[in-house]
Each structure stands twice: as C-alpha cells, then as structure tokens.
Amino acid sequence: MIYKLLALNIDGTLLQDNGRINKVTRDAIDYVNDKDVKIIVSTSRNFPAAKRVAKLLKIKEHIISHQGAFIGKELDKPVFVRRISENITGEMLGLLESFSCQIKVIHEELMFANKMNLPNQLTGRVVFQKANRIAYSEQYVDNLQESFQQNPVSPMMIDVLFEHKHDREDAIKVIDEMYDEVECIKSNPLRLMIVPKMVSKLTGVQFLCEHHGIKREEVVAIGSDFDDLPLIQWAGLGVAMGNAPLKVRNEANWVTRSYEDNGVAYMVKEHFRKQHRLGFLRNILKE
C-alpha cells in the first residue's frame, strides 16, 4: 500500500516526558516528508501549542487542534471551526463546578480555569510564543462561573480533570441527557473533554482527507490514548504506541515502541523505507 498521509498525536506519541522531541523522531519526520507524504498533527492541545510542535518538526500542513474543533495553518485563517455556544458553556460550568475537578475553558486565543491544588501551584500566567508571534493567555480564577459571566466566550473545548472516576461518569451521564449540541470524549481514567457535536480527531482527519483527495486506506495514524482510538480504528494503518492502554493496542493494526523508545521513528523506518517519493510514483504511472 502507498501511504499519502501520516497523522500524529502529540502527547504520549511525539513528546517525551521532558516535553521534548528526540532528534531520532525529528529525523524520521524529515524522512517521511522527503517522500512527499502529507504529515499532520492531530491533538487535544490548543492551536498555538500544536503550531509550536509542528514548526519544530517542519510540518507545513493543516493542524488539527482542540480535538478537531479548530483546523488550520494559521490562527487567523482556519479552514474549519466549531464552537460550544456561550449559553451552553455557562450552564455546563455550573454543573461541572458541583464536582471536585479542574475545569479549563479553552478558546483558540485563551484559556481560563478554576484554581486547584496543581503540582506547580499555578495561579495565573501568560505564555508568549515569540517564534509564532502568538500570545496565549492562561488564567486561573477563584470563581469560574463569575469570570465567565464577565468575559463570555464560545470555546472549542472544555477540558475537565476529575478527582474521582465515578464523578466523571456521573457528569457524562448528565451532559449526554441534557445537551445534544456537545460530545463527551474520554481520555485517561480521570479526564473528560467536552467538544461540539461531530467533532473529534477522526472527523478532523476525514475533513483533510476529503480536502486533499486522500482515501482512508492511504492514511497512517499513530496515537497513544483513548481519544485516538476512533482514528486508529478508521485509518488504513492504525498504529498504537507501546505506552498506549491495552484496549488501544488491541484495536490497532500495528503496535510500535513507546514514546521513550522513539516509537514513531521505529514505525516510520519499518513502514516507509520501501516507499518511493510520491512524485516519482506518479511519473511511473504516467509512463
């Protein structure tokens, strides 16, 4: 099979525990790029953070961020945007604040969250990414609902980290019953991402495949968590990282090494080394 698109998750896939990308992985991405394969990142991260990773890897294709709610190459020129309305966001914040959890309301230009006992005791900060000329504001507030009422936004995603798993399941049950406009996406055992209806990493990749005229069987997707599972199941070659949960590994076509053992680079060497550049293959077919 000739593969034309490689979709990569960021956390638990490209990044190591220290938040960096190993040179072996960067070289592997260059190797695939030289074969004219389209490389995209598909992540739950906000667009500025995803853009920074893409720039480091010299990836120039559209970025799928916010779980698929924001797709684009530049912050001010998205090709796809879907949001949760202000009214529904406000209502859900009231519901979620009844649980013991940290709630992050995530927009493409800012994030604000309720204060919790965070590991690094963050109380508020502004992150400037000079390389991208983007300022991404992150604010931690005492009263999330009050702050939202003062500065309402229509976010791409609400990211919730619960203290107890049973609280997450209760919250999902209520949200599913009350709101047809949103989807609940589970990640690790305590994390819940609330996104607009019909939004996911999978729908984001499908959108770009249609845009580029790429077939399902021509897609390779590499992921490491439960929110990557639908995309891994759908892709022509679905690859799970060695550090992925057992259920994700069992559903994948192929399991590579963990992110600490440079699993992306290992997979690329195994599956792309015999593939010629797409331009060369097109010329052969014309003859």
C-alpha atoms as a PDB file:
ATOM      1  CA  MET A   1       0.000   0.000   0.000  1.00  0.00           C
ATOM      2  CA  ILE A   2       1.186   3.524  -0.828  1.00  0.00           C
ATOM      3  CA  TYR A   3       0.514   5.864   2.090  1.00  0.00           C
ATOM      4  CA  LYS A   4      -0.176   9.540   1.405  1.00  0.00           C
ATOM      5  CA  LEU A   5      -0.962  10.959   4.850  1.00  0.00           C
ATOM      6  CA  LEU A   6       0.557  10.445   8.301  1.00  0.00           C
ATOM      7  CA  ALA A   7      -1.492  11.695  11.274  1.00  0.00           C
ATOM      8  CA  LEU A   8       0.378  12.081  14.557  1.00  0.00           C
ATOM      9  CA  ASN A   9      -0.815  12.652  18.091  1.00  0.00           C
ATOM     10  CA  ILE A  10       1.460  14.862  20.234  1.00  0.00           C
ATOM     11  CA  ASP A  11       1.293  13.893  23.913  1.00  0.00           C
ATOM     12  CA  GLY A  12       2.412  10.337  24.584  1.00  0.00           C
ATOM     13  CA  THR A  13       3.410   9.975  20.943  1.00  0.00           C
ATOM     14  CA  LEU A  14       5.833  12.655  19.752  1.00  0.00           C
ATOM     15  CA  LEU A  15       6.798  14.188  23.084  1.00  0.00           C
ATOM     16  CA  GLN A  16       8.954  12.575  25.731  1.00  0.00           C
ATOM     17  CA  ASP A  17       8.439  13.038  29.484  1.00  0.00           C
ATOM     18  CA  ASN A  18      10.698  16.090  29.433  1.00  0.00           C
ATOM     19  CA  GLY A  19       8.409  17.742  26.869  1.00  0.00           C
ATOM     20  CA  ARG A  20      10.979  17.491  24.092  1.00  0.00           C
ATOM     21  CA  ILE A  21      11.097  15.639  20.800  1.00  0.00           C
ATOM     22  CA  ASN A  22      14.063  13.328  20.326  1.00  0.00           C
ATOM     23  CA  LYS A  23      16.345  14.027  17.367  1.00  0.00           C
ATOM     24  CA  VAL A  24      15.682  10.478  16.122  1.00  0.00           C
ATOM     25  CA  THR A  25      11.982  11.337  15.881  1.00  0.00           C
ATOM     26  CA  ARG A  26      12.669  14.653  14.134  1.00  0.00           C
ATOM     27  CA  ASP A  27      14.872  12.873  11.595  1.00  0.00           C
ATOM     28  CA  ALA A  28      12.125  10.287  10.989  1.00  0.00           C
ATOM     29  CA  ILE A  29       9.574  13.034  10.282  1.00  0.00           C
ATOM     30  CA  ASP A  30      12.027  14.603   7.811  1.00  0.00           C
ATOM     31  CA  TYR A  31      12.406  11.175   6.183  1.00  0.00           C
ATOM     32  CA  VAL A  32       8.652  10.844   5.631  1.00  0.00           C
ATOM     33  CA  ASN A  33       8.367  14.448   4.477  1.00  0.00           C
ATOM     34  CA  ASP A  34      11.014  13.803   1.816  1.00  0.00           C
ATOM     35  CA  LYS A  35       8.731  11.120   0.369  1.00  0.00           C
ATOM     36  CA  ASP A  36       6.034  13.762  -0.286  1.00  0.00           C
ATOM     37  CA  VAL A  37       3.735  12.252   2.341  1.00  0.00           C
ATOM     38  CA  LYS A  38       1.454  14.809   3.995  1.00  0.00           C
ATOM     39  CA  ILE A  39       2.140  14.946   7.737  1.00  0.00           C
ATOM     40  CA  ILE A  40      -0.383  16.433  10.149  1.00  0.00           C
ATOM     41  CA  VAL A  41      -0.605  16.712  13.915  1.00  0.00           C
ATOM     42  CA  SER A  42      -3.943  15.795  15.449  1.00  0.00           C
ATOM     43  CA  THR A  43      -4.176  16.803  19.091  1.00  0.00           C
ATOM     44  CA  SER A  44      -6.313  17.921  22.002  1.00  0.00           C
ATOM     45  CA  ARG A  45      -3.859  20.781  22.549  1.00  0.00           C
ATOM     46  CA  ASN A  46      -4.751  24.353  21.678  1.00  0.00           C
ATOM     47  CA  PHE A  47      -3.690  25.683  18.286  1.00  0.00           C
ATOM     48  CA  PRO A  48      -0.722  27.825  19.464  1.00  0.00           C
ATOM     49  CA  ALA A  49       0.790  24.860  21.335  1.00  0.00           C
ATOM     50  CA  ALA A  50       0.222  22.497  18.409  1.00  0.00           C
ATOM     51  CA  LYS A  51       1.639  25.074  15.985  1.00  0.00           C
ATOM     52  CA  ARG A  52       4.824  25.246  18.030  1.00  0.00           C
ATOM     53  CA  VAL A  53       5.312  21.466  17.772  1.00  0.00           C
ATOM     54  CA  ALA A  54       4.528  21.477  14.049  1.00  0.00           C
ATOM     55  CA  LYS A  55       7.034  24.249  13.434  1.00  0.00           C
ATOM     56  CA  LEU A  56       9.729  22.346  15.339  1.00  0.00           C
ATOM     57  CA  LEU A  57       9.105  19.333  13.098  1.00  0.00           C
ATOM     58  CA  LYS A  58       8.917  21.482   9.940  1.00  0.00           C
ATOM     59  CA  ILE A  59       5.348  20.306   9.328  1.00  0.00           C
ATOM     60  CA  LYS A  60       3.605  22.727   6.981  1.00  0.00           C
ATOM     61  CA  GLU A  61       0.219  21.029   6.583  1.00  0.00           C
ATOM     62  CA  HIS A  62      -3.011  21.963   8.369  1.00  0.00           C
ATOM     63  CA  ILE A  63      -3.058  21.379  12.125  1.00  0.00           C
ATOM     64  CA  ILE A  64      -5.958  19.571  13.801  1.00  0.00           C
ATOM     65  CA  SER A  65      -6.205  21.081  17.285  1.00  0.00           C
ATOM     66  CA  HIS A  66      -8.748  21.264  20.117  1.00  0.00           C
ATOM     67  CA  GLN A  67      -9.760  17.640  19.377  1.00  0.00           C
ATOM     68  CA  GLY A  68     -10.707  18.629  15.839  1.00  0.00           C
ATOM     69  CA  ALA A  69     -12.707  21.784  16.612  1.00  0.00           C
ATOM     70  CA  PHE A  70     -10.070  24.058  15.041  1.00  0.00           C
ATOM     71  CA  ILE A  71      -8.203  23.178  11.831  1.00  0.00           C
ATOM     72  CA  GLY A  72      -5.827  25.490  10.048  1.00  0.00           C
ATOM     73  CA  LYS A  73      -2.281  26.534   9.260  1.00  0.00           C
ATOM     74  CA  GLU A  74      -2.540  29.974  10.862  1.00  0.00           C
ATOM     75  CA  LEU A  75      -4.554  31.192  13.836  1.00  0.00           C
ATOM     76  CA  ASP A  76      -6.377  33.832  11.809  1.00  0.00           C
ATOM     77  CA  LYS A  77      -7.038  31.604   8.774  1.00  0.00           C
ATOM     78  CA  PRO A  78      -8.777  28.416   9.925  1.00  0.00           C
ATOM     79  CA  VAL A  79     -10.363  26.133   7.349  1.00  0.00           C
ATOM     80  CA  PHE A  80     -12.698  24.628   9.949  1.00  0.00           C
ATOM     81  CA  VAL A  81     -14.002  25.966  13.270  1.00  0.00           C
ATOM     82  CA  ARG A  82     -16.731  24.657  15.525  1.00  0.00           C
ATOM     83  CA  ARG A  83     -17.601  26.086  18.942  1.00  0.00           C
ATOM     84  CA  ILE A  84     -19.703  25.445  22.036  1.00  0.00           C
ATOM     85  CA  SER A  85     -22.196  28.278  22.471  1.00  0.00           C
ATOM     86  CA  GLU A  86     -21.843  30.761  25.331  1.00  0.00           C
ATOM     87  CA  ASN A  87     -25.188  29.733  26.845  1.00  0.00           C
ATOM     88  CA  ILE A  88     -24.407  26.024  26.941  1.00  0.00           C
ATOM     89  CA  THR A  89     -20.876  26.701  28.220  1.00  0.00           C
ATOM     90  CA  GLY A  90     -22.247  28.758  31.102  1.00  0.00           C
ATOM     91  CA  GLU A  91     -24.789  26.087  32.023  1.00  0.00           C
ATOM     92  CA  MET A  92     -22.216  23.281  31.925  1.00  0.00           C
ATOM     93  CA  LEU A  93     -19.783  25.231  34.095  1.00  0.00           C
ATOM     94  CA  GLY A  94     -22.464  25.406  36.782  1.00  0.00           C
ATOM     95  CA  LEU A  95     -22.926  21.643  36.540  1.00  0.00           C
ATOM     96  CA  LEU A  96     -19.220  20.788  36.490  1.00  0.00           C
ATOM     97  CA  GLU A  97     -18.362  23.023  39.440  1.00  0.00           C
ATOM     98  CA  SER A  98     -20.551  20.793  41.620  1.00  0.00           C
ATOM     99  CA  PHE A  99     -17.880  18.068  41.239  1.00  0.00           C
ATOM    100  CA  SER A 100     -14.324  18.004  42.577  1.00  0.00           C
ATOM    101  CA  CYS A 101     -12.443  18.741  39.375  1.00  0.00           C
ATOM    102  CA  GLN A 102     -10.357  21.233  37.480  1.00  0.00           C
ATOM    103  CA  ILE A 103     -12.190  22.815  34.565  1.00  0.00           C
ATOM    104  CA  LYS A 104     -10.436  24.502  31.661  1.00  0.00           C
ATOM    105  CA  VAL A 105     -12.429  26.565  29.175  1.00  0.00           C
ATOM    106  CA  ILE A 106     -10.298  26.532  26.025  1.00  0.00           C
ATOM    107  CA  HIS A 107     -10.542  29.047  23.202  1.00  0.00           C
ATOM    108  CA  GLU A 108      -8.052  29.407  20.319  1.00  0.00           C
ATOM    109  CA  GLU A 109      -6.626  32.571  21.902  1.00  0.00           C
ATOM    110  CA  LEU A 110      -7.027  31.999  25.631  1.00  0.00           C
ATOM    111  CA  MET A 111      -7.763  29.526  28.402  1.00  0.00           C
ATOM    112  CA  PHE A 112      -9.179  30.112  31.856  1.00  0.00           C
ATOM    113  CA  ALA A 113      -9.642  27.578  34.631  1.00  0.00           C
ATOM    114  CA  ASN A 114     -10.641  27.241  38.262  1.00  0.00           C
ATOM    115  CA  LYS A 115      -7.807  27.142  40.789  1.00  0.00           C
ATOM    116  CA  MET A 116      -6.912  23.707  42.137  1.00  0.00           C
ATOM    117  CA  ASN A 117      -4.026  22.170  44.034  1.00  0.00           C
ATOM    118  CA  LEU A 118      -1.859  21.918  40.943  1.00  0.00           C
ATOM    119  CA  PRO A 119       1.586  20.298  41.085  1.00  0.00           C
ATOM    120  CA  ASN A 120       3.389  23.549  40.287  1.00  0.00           C
ATOM    121  CA  GLN A 121       0.895  25.736  42.176  1.00  0.00           C
ATOM    122  CA  LEU A 122      -0.023  27.831  39.166  1.00  0.00           C
ATOM    123  CA  THR A 123      -2.177  30.848  39.969  1.00  0.00           C
ATOM    124  CA  GLY A 124      -2.093  32.605  36.629  1.00  0.00           C
ATOM    125  CA  ARG A 125       0.322  33.200  33.798  1.00  0.00           C
ATOM    126  CA  VAL A 126       0.640  34.416  30.245  1.00  0.00           C
ATOM    127  CA  VAL A 127       2.625  32.287  27.818  1.00  0.00           C
ATOM    128  CA  PHE A 128       4.308  34.124  24.934  1.00  0.00           C
ATOM    129  CA  GLN A 129       5.459  32.131  21.917  1.00  0.00           C
ATOM    130  CA  LYS A 130       7.657  34.679  20.144  1.00  0.00           C
ATOM    131  CA  ALA A 131       8.583  32.278  17.364  1.00  0.00           C
ATOM    132  CA  ASN A 132       4.931  32.216  16.286  1.00  0.00           C
ATOM    133  CA  ARG A 133       4.161  35.802  17.270  1.00  0.00           C
ATOM    134  CA  ILE A 134       1.287  34.453  19.312  1.00  0.00           C
ATOM    135  CA  ALA A 135       0.381  35.333  22.896  1.00  0.00           C
ATOM    136  CA  TYR A 136      -1.732  32.659  24.575  1.00  0.00           C
ATOM    137  CA  SER A 137      -3.273  33.772  27.846  1.00  0.00           C
ATOM    138  CA  GLU A 138      -3.813  31.210  30.626  1.00  0.00           C
ATOM    139  CA  GLN A 139      -5.712  32.464  33.662  1.00  0.00           C
ATOM    140  CA  TYR A 140      -6.597  30.607  36.860  1.00  0.00           C
ATOM    141  CA  VAL A 141      -9.506  32.134  38.747  1.00  0.00           C
ATOM    142  CA  ASP A 142     -11.296  31.650  42.080  1.00  0.00           C
ATOM    143  CA  ASN A 143     -14.805  31.593  40.630  1.00  0.00           C
ATOM    144  CA  LEU A 144     -15.048  30.176  37.123  1.00  0.00           C
ATOM    145  CA  GLN A 145     -18.730  30.933  36.530  1.00  0.00           C
ATOM    146  CA  GLU A 146     -18.362  34.515  37.681  1.00  0.00           C
ATOM    147  CA  SER A 147     -15.314  35.051  35.470  1.00  0.00           C
ATOM    148  CA  PHE A 148     -17.143  33.521  32.516  1.00  0.00           C
ATOM    149  CA  GLN A 149     -20.171  35.778  33.011  1.00  0.00           C
ATOM    150  CA  GLN A 150     -17.874  38.817  32.987  1.00  0.00           C
ATOM    151  CA  ASN A 151     -15.996  37.649  29.873  1.00  0.00           C
ATOM    152  CA  PRO A 152     -18.137  35.109  27.993  1.00  0.00           C
ATOM    153  CA  VAL A 153     -16.607  33.195  25.077  1.00  0.00           C
ATOM    154  CA  SER A 154     -17.631  30.377  22.767  1.00  0.00           C
ATOM    155  CA  PRO A 155     -14.873  27.814  23.368  1.00  0.00           C
ATOM    156  CA  MET A 156     -13.718  24.961  21.168  1.00  0.00           C
ATOM    157  CA  MET A 157     -13.378  22.644  24.138  1.00  0.00           C
ATOM    158  CA  ILE A 158     -13.910  22.270  27.866  1.00  0.00           C
ATOM    159  CA  ASP A 159     -11.207  20.080  29.414  1.00  0.00           C
ATOM    160  CA  VAL A 160     -12.042  18.561  32.806  1.00  0.00           C
ATOM    161  CA  LEU A 161      -9.805  16.606  35.175  1.00  0.00           C
ATOM    162  CA  PHE A 162     -11.823  14.876  37.889  1.00  0.00           C
ATOM    163  CA  GLU A 163     -10.558  13.824  41.288  1.00  0.00           C
ATOM    164  CA  HIS A 164     -12.739  10.699  41.218  1.00  0.00           C
ATOM    165  CA  LYS A 165     -13.619   8.468  38.247  1.00  0.00           C
ATOM    166  CA  HIS A 166     -17.238   7.973  39.391  1.00  0.00           C
ATOM    167  CA  ASP A 167     -17.735  11.759  39.248  1.00  0.00           C
ATOM    168  CA  ARG A 168     -16.616  11.757  35.627  1.00  0.00           C
ATOM    169  CA  GLU A 169     -19.106   9.020  34.748  1.00  0.00           C
ATOM    170  CA  ASP A 170     -21.915  10.893  36.537  1.00  0.00           C
ATOM    171  CA  ALA A 171     -21.042  14.109  34.698  1.00  0.00           C
ATOM    172  CA  ILE A 172     -21.039  12.343  31.318  1.00  0.00           C
ATOM    173  CA  LYS A 173     -24.454  10.822  32.019  1.00  0.00           C
ATOM    174  CA  VAL A 174     -25.983  14.210  32.854  1.00  0.00           C
ATOM    175  CA  ILE A 175     -24.358  16.029  29.919  1.00  0.00           C
ATOM    176  CA  ASP A 176     -25.439  13.330  27.448  1.00  0.00           C
ATOM    177  CA  GLU A 177     -29.021  13.592  28.707  1.00  0.00           C
ATOM    178  CA  MET A 178     -29.173  17.406  28.710  1.00  0.00           C
ATOM    179  CA  TYR A 179     -27.185  18.531  25.685  1.00  0.00           C
ATOM    180  CA  ASP A 180     -27.416  17.300  22.104  1.00  0.00           C
ATOM    181  CA  GLU A 181     -25.003  20.003  20.980  1.00  0.00           C
ATOM    182  CA  VAL A 182     -21.843  18.523  22.512  1.00  0.00           C
ATOM    183  CA  GLU A 183     -19.793  15.314  22.618  1.00  0.00           C
ATOM    184  CA  CYS A 184     -18.021  13.829  25.650  1.00  0.00           C
ATOM    185  CA  ILE A 185     -14.607  12.353  24.838  1.00  0.00           C
ATOM    186  CA  LYS A 186     -12.792  10.257  27.437  1.00  0.00           C
ATOM    187  CA  SER A 187      -9.025  10.279  27.626  1.00  0.00           C
ATOM    188  CA  ASN A 188      -7.171   8.915  30.656  1.00  0.00           C
ATOM    189  CA  PRO A 189      -9.304   7.483  33.520  1.00  0.00           C
ATOM    190  CA  LEU A 190      -9.970  10.897  35.077  1.00  0.00           C
ATOM    191  CA  ARG A 191     -10.025  13.248  32.082  1.00  0.00           C
ATOM    192  CA  LEU A 192     -13.044  14.352  30.063  1.00  0.00           C
ATOM    193  CA  MET A 193     -13.010  16.616  27.017  1.00  0.00           C
ATOM    194  CA  ILE A 194     -16.289  18.253  26.007  1.00  0.00           C
ATOM    195  CA  VAL A 195     -16.382  19.380  22.376  1.00  0.00           C
ATOM    196  CA  PRO A 196     -19.023  20.499  19.859  1.00  0.00           C
ATOM    197  CA  LYS A 197     -21.153  17.788  18.252  1.00  0.00           C
ATOM    198  CA  MET A 198     -19.488  15.792  15.460  1.00  0.00           C
ATOM    199  CA  VAL A 199     -16.003  16.935  16.459  1.00  0.00           C
ATOM    200  CA  SER A 200     -13.071  14.581  17.062  1.00  0.00           C
ATOM    201  CA  LYS A 201      -9.566  13.851  15.832  1.00  0.00           C
ATOM    202  CA  LEU A 202     -11.154  11.370  13.422  1.00  0.00           C
ATOM    203  CA  THR A 203     -13.557  13.897  11.876  1.00  0.00           C
ATOM    204  CA  GLY A 204     -10.648  16.325  11.560  1.00  0.00           C
ATOM    205  CA  VAL A 205      -8.550  13.819   9.609  1.00  0.00           C
ATOM    206  CA  GLN A 206     -11.545  12.877   7.457  1.00  0.00           C
ATOM    207  CA  PHE A 207     -12.083  16.574   6.663  1.00  0.00           C
ATOM    208  CA  LEU A 208      -8.477  16.954   5.487  1.00  0.00           C
ATOM    209  CA  CYS A 209      -8.572  13.686   3.546  1.00  0.00           C
ATOM    210  CA  GLU A 210     -11.582  14.948   1.611  1.00  0.00           C
ATOM    211  CA  HIS A 211      -9.805  18.274   1.091  1.00  0.00           C
ATOM    212  CA  HIS A 212      -6.724  16.553  -0.383  1.00  0.00           C
ATOM    213  CA  GLY A 213      -8.491  13.679  -2.153  1.00  0.00           C
ATOM    214  CA  ILE A 214      -6.859  11.037   0.033  1.00  0.00           C
ATOM    215  CA  LYS A 215      -8.536   7.680   0.643  1.00  0.00           C
ATOM    216  CA  ARG A 216      -8.963   6.025   4.007  1.00  0.00           C
ATOM    217  CA  GLU A 217      -6.604   3.163   3.125  1.00  0.00           C
ATOM    218  CA  GLU A 218      -3.882   5.701   2.295  1.00  0.00           C
ATOM    219  CA  VAL A 219      -3.802   7.051   5.853  1.00  0.00           C
ATOM    220  CA  VAL A 220      -1.438   6.083   8.679  1.00  0.00           C
ATOM    221  CA  ALA A 221      -2.486   7.257  12.150  1.00  0.00           C
ATOM    222  CA  ILE A 222      -0.308   6.981  15.262  1.00  0.00           C
ATOM    223  CA  GLY A 223      -1.785   7.578  18.716  1.00  0.00           C
ATOM    224  CA  SER A 224      -1.459   6.723  22.358  1.00  0.00           C
ATOM    225  CA  ASP A 225      -4.711   7.284  24.242  1.00  0.00           C
ATOM    226  CA  PHE A 226      -8.427   6.524  24.189  1.00  0.00           C
ATOM    227  CA  ASP A 227      -9.247   9.706  22.270  1.00  0.00           C
ATOM    228  CA  ASP A 228      -7.001   8.413  19.455  1.00  0.00           C
ATOM    229  CA  LEU A 229      -8.859   5.101  19.240  1.00  0.00           C
ATOM    230  CA  PRO A 230     -11.573   6.009  16.669  1.00  0.00           C
ATOM    231  CA  LEU A 231      -8.900   7.380  14.332  1.00  0.00           C
ATOM    232  CA  ILE A 232      -6.660   4.336  14.823  1.00  0.00           C
ATOM    233  CA  GLN A 233      -9.606   2.038  14.065  1.00  0.00           C
ATOM    234  CA  TRP A 234     -10.556   4.008  10.935  1.00  0.00           C
ATOM    235  CA  ALA A 235      -7.140   4.540   9.315  1.00  0.00           C
ATOM    236  CA  GLY A 236      -5.739   2.254   6.639  1.00  0.00           C
ATOM    237  CA  LEU A 237      -2.892   1.574   9.071  1.00  0.00           C
ATOM    238  CA  GLY A 238      -3.762   2.340  12.676  1.00  0.00           C
ATOM    239  CA  VAL A 239      -0.711   2.348  14.936  1.00  0.00           C
ATOM    240  CA  ALA A 240      -0.709   2.371  18.736  1.00  0.00           C
ATOM    241  CA  MET A 241       2.265   3.468  20.775  1.00  0.00           C
ATOM    242  CA  GLY A 242       3.741   0.887  23.117  1.00  0.00           C
ATOM    243  CA  ASN A 243       2.699   3.081  26.051  1.00  0.00           C
ATOM    244  CA  ALA A 244      -0.960   3.160  24.923  1.00  0.00           C
ATOM    245  CA  PRO A 245      -3.638   1.468  27.074  1.00  0.00           C
ATOM    246  CA  LEU A 246      -4.200  -2.211  26.350  1.00  0.00           C
ATOM    247  CA  LYS A 247      -7.575  -1.595  24.693  1.00  0.00           C
ATOM    248  CA  VAL A 248      -5.997   0.849  22.237  1.00  0.00           C
ATOM    249  CA  ARG A 249      -3.133  -1.542  21.461  1.00  0.00           C
ATOM    250  CA  ASN A 250      -5.558  -4.409  20.911  1.00  0.00           C
ATOM    251  CA  GLU A 251      -7.546  -2.387  18.352  1.00  0.00           C
ATOM    252  CA  ALA A 252      -4.510  -1.204  16.374  1.00  0.00           C
ATOM    253  CA  ASN A 253      -3.191  -2.808  13.183  1.00  0.00           C
ATOM    254  CA  TRP A 254       0.327  -2.419  14.477  1.00  0.00           C
ATOM    255  CA  VAL A 255       1.946  -1.617  17.830  1.00  0.00           C
ATOM    256  CA  THR A 256       5.198   0.280  17.879  1.00  0.00           C
ATOM    257  CA  ARG A 257       7.584   1.051  20.720  1.00  0.00           C
ATOM    258  CA  SER A 258       6.804   3.558  23.481  1.00  0.00           C
ATOM    259  CA  TYR A 259       7.458   7.272  23.127  1.00  0.00           C
ATOM    260  CA  GLU A 260      10.503   6.966  25.407  1.00  0.00           C
ATOM    261  CA  ASP A 261      11.889   4.338  22.996  1.00  0.00           C
ATOM    262  CA  ASN A 262      11.246   6.524  19.933  1.00  0.00           C
ATOM    263  CA  GLY A 263       8.231   4.539  18.757  1.00  0.00           C
ATOM    264  CA  VAL A 264       7.337   6.977  15.965  1.00  0.00           C
ATOM    265  CA  ALA A 265      10.813   6.716  14.440  1.00  0.00           C
ATOM    266  CA  TYR A 266      10.747   2.918  14.698  1.00  0.00           C
ATOM    267  CA  MET A 267       7.363   2.715  12.966  1.00  0.00           C
ATOM    268  CA  VAL A 268       8.432   5.071  10.174  1.00  0.00           C
ATOM    269  CA  LYS A 269      11.550   3.054   9.416  1.00  0.00           C
ATOM    270  CA  GLU A 270       9.530  -0.169   9.242  1.00  0.00           C
ATOM    271  CA  HIS A 271       6.699   1.071   7.033  1.00  0.00           C
ATOM    272  CA  PHE A 272       8.033   3.917   4.886  1.00  0.00           C
ATOM    273  CA  ARG A 273      11.575   2.794   3.999  1.00  0.00           C
ATOM    274  CA  LYS A 274      10.429   0.892   0.874  1.00  0.00           C
ATOM    275  CA  GLN A 275       8.029   3.589  -0.306  1.00  0.00           C
ATOM    276  CA  HIS A 276       9.328   5.824  -3.114  1.00  0.00           C
ATOM    277  CA  ARG A 277       8.594   9.525  -3.279  1.00  0.00           C
ATOM    278  CA  LEU A 278       5.014  10.093  -4.405  1.00  0.00           C
ATOM    279  CA  GLY A 279       6.185  12.341  -7.228  1.00  0.00           C
ATOM    280  CA  PHE A 280       8.367   9.537  -8.569  1.00  0.00           C
ATOM    281  CA  LEU A 281       5.468   7.060  -8.344  1.00  0.00           C
ATOM    282  CA  ARG A 282       3.148   9.426 -10.228  1.00  0.00           C
ATOM    283  CA  ASN A 283       5.663   9.745 -13.047  1.00  0.00           C
ATOM    284  CA  ILE A 284       5.967   5.956 -13.257  1.00  0.00           C
ATOM    285  CA  LEU A 285       2.184   5.596 -13.523  1.00  0.00           C
ATOM    286  CA  LYS A 286       2.055   8.142 -16.352  1.00  0.00           C
ATOM    287  CA  GLU A 287       4.553   6.208 -18.455  1.00  0.00           C
END
